[in-house]
């Protein structure tokens, strides 16, 4: 898969949200001279591998900070009691259902990171206890 195809496969809304909160995405935007020199020395395969790994690691975390959302309303809970909410990202019309990073941080702090001052959640790690309680792997 070429870099352009990889970028197209990432949901546009995720890229827009990440860009809004100032997250640099490898292969997109500007680079410094030292970064460009280092990149030029890598083979195309190494470049692609590095970019794909970076994007993959970044995108496993979903921006989930309460400060990025509006119209937040509880809709249920996971088996472990973690609340689930309906919400919209500020300035976006689409409605989503998911977790709030601030809640996840209380029960699964390892599943929350900070990106440019905003909290993001690794949903797989955040729902691990709930999956075990439900008998799922």
C-alpha atoms as a PDB file:
ATOM      1  CA  UNK A   1       0.000   0.000   0.000  1.00  0.00           C
ATOM      2  CA  UNK A   2       1.465   3.362  -1.009  1.00  0.00           C
ATOM      3  CA  UNK A   3       1.635   6.229   1.473  1.00  0.00           C
ATOM      4  CA  UNK A   4      -1.143   8.061  -0.374  1.00  0.00           C
ATOM      5  CA  UNK A   5      -3.383   4.984  -0.126  1.00  0.00           C
ATOM      6  CA  UNK A   6      -2.554   4.597   3.567  1.00  0.00           C
ATOM      7  CA  UNK A   7      -3.473   8.221   4.239  1.00  0.00           C
ATOM      8  CA  UNK A   8      -6.737   7.745   2.327  1.00  0.00           C
ATOM      9  CA  UNK A   9      -7.607   4.673   4.416  1.00  0.00           C
ATOM     10  CA  UNK A  10      -7.478   6.687   7.645  1.00  0.00           C
ATOM     11  CA  UNK A  11     -10.912   8.109   8.420  1.00  0.00           C
ATOM     12  CA  UNK A  12     -10.844  11.764   7.407  1.00  0.00           C
ATOM     13  CA  UNK A  13     -12.619  12.769  10.590  1.00  0.00           C
ATOM     14  CA  UNK A  14      -9.782  11.268  12.689  1.00  0.00           C
ATOM     15  CA  UNK A  15      -7.147  13.122  10.673  1.00  0.00           C
ATOM     16  CA  UNK A  16      -9.088  16.387  10.883  1.00  0.00           C
ATOM     17  CA  UNK A  17      -9.561  16.035  14.632  1.00  0.00           C
ATOM     18  CA  UNK A  18      -5.898  15.173  15.159  1.00  0.00           C
ATOM     19  CA  UNK A  19      -4.878  18.157  13.018  1.00  0.00           C
ATOM     20  CA  UNK A  20      -7.242  20.422  14.999  1.00  0.00           C
ATOM     21  CA  UNK A  21      -5.522  19.549  18.260  1.00  0.00           C
ATOM     22  CA  UNK A  22      -2.092  20.007  16.699  1.00  0.00           C
ATOM     23  CA  UNK A  23      -0.901  16.422  16.316  1.00  0.00           C
ATOM     24  CA  UNK A  24       1.857  16.107  13.717  1.00  0.00           C
ATOM     25  CA  UNK A  25       1.267  13.142  11.394  1.00  0.00           C
ATOM     26  CA  UNK A  26       4.270  11.547   9.699  1.00  0.00           C
ATOM     27  CA  UNK A  27       4.329  12.173   5.977  1.00  0.00           C
ATOM     28  CA  UNK A  28       1.844  15.033   6.180  1.00  0.00           C
ATOM     29  CA  UNK A  29       2.819  18.669   6.665  1.00  0.00           C
ATOM     30  CA  UNK A  30       6.247  20.242   6.989  1.00  0.00           C
ATOM     31  CA  UNK A  31       9.519  18.712   8.121  1.00  0.00           C
ATOM     32  CA  UNK A  32      12.732  20.159   9.495  1.00  0.00           C
ATOM     33  CA  UNK A  33      16.054  19.899   7.638  1.00  0.00           C
ATOM     34  CA  UNK A  34      17.400  17.268  10.046  1.00  0.00           C
ATOM     35  CA  UNK A  35      14.233  15.200   9.640  1.00  0.00           C
ATOM     36  CA  UNK A  36      14.430  15.500   5.859  1.00  0.00           C
ATOM     37  CA  UNK A  37      18.102  14.485   5.782  1.00  0.00           C
ATOM     38  CA  UNK A  38      17.437  11.449   7.978  1.00  0.00           C
ATOM     39  CA  UNK A  39      14.433  10.475   5.897  1.00  0.00           C
ATOM     40  CA  UNK A  40      16.359  10.793   2.637  1.00  0.00           C
ATOM     41  CA  UNK A  41      18.915   8.273   3.926  1.00  0.00           C
ATOM     42  CA  UNK A  42      16.248   5.617   4.571  1.00  0.00           C
ATOM     43  CA  UNK A  43      15.108   3.262   1.846  1.00  0.00           C
ATOM     44  CA  UNK A  44      11.544   3.563   0.577  1.00  0.00           C
ATOM     45  CA  UNK A  45      10.619   0.382   2.457  1.00  0.00           C
ATOM     46  CA  UNK A  46      12.061   1.731   5.712  1.00  0.00           C
ATOM     47  CA  UNK A  47      10.246   5.034   5.232  1.00  0.00           C
ATOM     48  CA  UNK A  48       6.951   3.295   4.616  1.00  0.00           C
ATOM     49  CA  UNK A  49       7.457   0.985   7.592  1.00  0.00           C
ATOM     50  CA  UNK A  50       8.262   3.895   9.886  1.00  0.00           C
ATOM     51  CA  UNK A  51       5.321   5.962   8.690  1.00  0.00           C
ATOM     52  CA  UNK A  52       2.877   3.043   8.843  1.00  0.00           C
ATOM     53  CA  UNK A  53       4.028   2.116  12.354  1.00  0.00           C
ATOM     54  CA  UNK A  54       3.783   5.716  13.552  1.00  0.00           C
ATOM     55  CA  UNK A  55       0.304   6.214  12.126  1.00  0.00           C
ATOM     56  CA  UNK A  56      -0.833   2.824  13.425  1.00  0.00           C
ATOM     57  CA  UNK A  57       0.412   3.552  16.939  1.00  0.00           C
ATOM     58  CA  UNK A  58      -1.132   6.997  16.922  1.00  0.00           C
ATOM     59  CA  UNK A  59      -4.482   5.925  15.515  1.00  0.00           C
ATOM     60  CA  UNK A  60      -5.032   3.157  18.031  1.00  0.00           C
ATOM     61  CA  UNK A  61      -5.695   6.054  20.380  1.00  0.00           C
ATOM     62  CA  UNK A  62      -8.979   7.858  19.765  1.00  0.00           C
ATOM     63  CA  UNK A  63      -9.251  11.510  20.868  1.00  0.00           C
ATOM     64  CA  UNK A  64     -11.711  11.189  23.731  1.00  0.00           C
ATOM     65  CA  UNK A  65     -11.175  14.176  25.993  1.00  0.00           C
ATOM     66  CA  UNK A  66     -14.359  15.728  27.359  1.00  0.00           C
ATOM     67  CA  UNK A  67     -13.056  19.122  26.230  1.00  0.00           C
ATOM     68  CA  UNK A  68     -13.309  17.965  22.585  1.00  0.00           C
ATOM     69  CA  UNK A  69     -16.956  16.888  22.875  1.00  0.00           C
ATOM     70  CA  UNK A  70     -20.370  18.471  23.281  1.00  0.00           C
ATOM     71  CA  UNK A  71     -23.964  17.305  23.713  1.00  0.00           C
ATOM     72  CA  UNK A  72     -22.635  14.559  26.003  1.00  0.00           C
ATOM     73  CA  UNK A  73     -25.339  12.239  27.375  1.00  0.00           C
ATOM     74  CA  UNK A  74     -25.042   8.860  29.144  1.00  0.00           C
ATOM     75  CA  UNK A  75     -26.376   5.933  27.083  1.00  0.00           C
ATOM     76  CA  UNK A  76     -25.227   2.911  29.116  1.00  0.00           C
ATOM     77  CA  UNK A  77     -22.198   1.220  30.641  1.00  0.00           C
ATOM     78  CA  UNK A  78     -19.668  -1.504  29.913  1.00  0.00           C
ATOM     79  CA  UNK A  79     -19.749  -4.745  31.928  1.00  0.00           C
ATOM     80  CA  UNK A  80     -17.103  -3.309  34.270  1.00  0.00           C
ATOM     81  CA  UNK A  81     -19.256  -0.236  34.949  1.00  0.00           C
ATOM     82  CA  UNK A  82     -17.374   2.246  32.747  1.00  0.00           C
ATOM     83  CA  UNK A  83     -19.985   4.734  31.488  1.00  0.00           C
ATOM     84  CA  UNK A  84     -20.739   4.950  27.764  1.00  0.00           C
ATOM     85  CA  UNK A  85     -21.914   8.249  26.291  1.00  0.00           C
ATOM     86  CA  UNK A  86     -23.464   9.686  23.168  1.00  0.00           C
ATOM     87  CA  UNK A  87     -21.756  12.879  22.010  1.00  0.00           C
ATOM     88  CA  UNK A  88     -20.637  15.051  19.116  1.00  0.00           C
ATOM     89  CA  UNK A  89     -17.121  16.363  18.593  1.00  0.00           C
ATOM     90  CA  UNK A  90     -17.233  20.159  18.867  1.00  0.00           C
ATOM     91  CA  UNK A  91     -18.046  21.723  15.525  1.00  0.00           C
ATOM     92  CA  UNK A  92     -18.925  18.399  13.853  1.00  0.00           C
ATOM     93  CA  UNK A  93     -22.469  17.263  13.029  1.00  0.00           C
ATOM     94  CA  UNK A  94     -21.905  13.481  13.393  1.00  0.00           C
ATOM     95  CA  UNK A  95     -23.146  11.772  16.559  1.00  0.00           C
ATOM     96  CA  UNK A  96     -20.912   9.161  18.218  1.00  0.00           C
ATOM     97  CA  UNK A  97     -21.185   6.675  21.050  1.00  0.00           C
ATOM     98  CA  UNK A  98     -18.119   5.946  23.141  1.00  0.00           C
ATOM     99  CA  UNK A  99     -16.078   6.526  26.261  1.00  0.00           C
ATOM    100  CA  UNK A 100     -14.736   9.655  27.921  1.00  0.00           C
ATOM    101  CA  UNK A 101     -11.002   9.610  28.591  1.00  0.00           C
ATOM    102  CA  UNK A 102     -11.510  11.107  32.032  1.00  0.00           C
ATOM    103  CA  UNK A 103     -13.673   8.077  33.041  1.00  0.00           C
ATOM    104  CA  UNK A 104     -11.294   5.538  31.504  1.00  0.00           C
ATOM    105  CA  UNK A 105      -8.362   7.140  33.318  1.00  0.00           C
ATOM    106  CA  UNK A 106      -9.926   6.166  36.683  1.00  0.00           C
ATOM    107  CA  UNK A 107     -10.135   2.425  35.933  1.00  0.00           C
ATOM    108  CA  UNK A 108      -7.570   1.855  33.157  1.00  0.00           C
ATOM    109  CA  UNK A 109      -4.973   4.645  33.273  1.00  0.00           C
ATOM    110  CA  UNK A 110      -2.685   2.628  30.962  1.00  0.00           C
ATOM    111  CA  UNK A 111      -5.309   3.062  28.212  1.00  0.00           C
ATOM    112  CA  UNK A 112      -5.100   6.882  28.209  1.00  0.00           C
ATOM    113  CA  UNK A 113      -2.380   9.095  26.751  1.00  0.00           C
ATOM    114  CA  UNK A 114      -2.122  12.822  26.227  1.00  0.00           C
ATOM    115  CA  UNK A 115      -1.646  14.237  22.734  1.00  0.00           C
ATOM    116  CA  UNK A 116      -1.044  17.984  22.492  1.00  0.00           C
ATOM    117  CA  UNK A 117      -2.705  18.503  25.865  1.00  0.00           C
ATOM    118  CA  UNK A 118      -5.819  16.414  25.110  1.00  0.00           C
ATOM    119  CA  UNK A 119      -6.560  12.914  26.358  1.00  0.00           C
ATOM    120  CA  UNK A 120      -6.948   9.990  23.951  1.00  0.00           C
ATOM    121  CA  UNK A 121      -8.079   6.407  24.614  1.00  0.00           C
ATOM    122  CA  UNK A 122      -6.861   3.039  23.357  1.00  0.00           C
ATOM    123  CA  UNK A 123     -10.297   1.383  23.182  1.00  0.00           C
ATOM    124  CA  UNK A 124      -8.886  -2.156  23.157  1.00  0.00           C
ATOM    125  CA  UNK A 125      -7.005  -1.568  26.417  1.00  0.00           C
ATOM    126  CA  UNK A 126      -9.886   0.445  27.906  1.00  0.00           C
ATOM    127  CA  UNK A 127     -12.429  -2.335  27.332  1.00  0.00           C
ATOM    128  CA  UNK A 128     -10.166  -5.279  28.240  1.00  0.00           C
ATOM    129  CA  UNK A 129     -11.631  -5.819  31.738  1.00  0.00           C
ATOM    130  CA  UNK A 130     -15.162  -5.582  30.390  1.00  0.00           C
ATOM    131  CA  UNK A 131     -14.420  -8.158  27.677  1.00  0.00           C
ATOM    132  CA  UNK A 132     -13.020 -10.566  30.288  1.00  0.00           C
ATOM    133  CA  UNK A 133     -16.102 -10.120  32.487  1.00  0.00           C
ATOM    134  CA  UNK A 134     -18.268 -10.965  29.499  1.00  0.00           C
ATOM    135  CA  UNK A 135     -16.163 -14.036  28.683  1.00  0.00           C
ATOM    136  CA  UNK A 136     -14.745 -12.552  25.472  1.00  0.00           C
ATOM    137  CA  UNK A 137     -11.028 -12.532  24.695  1.00  0.00           C
END
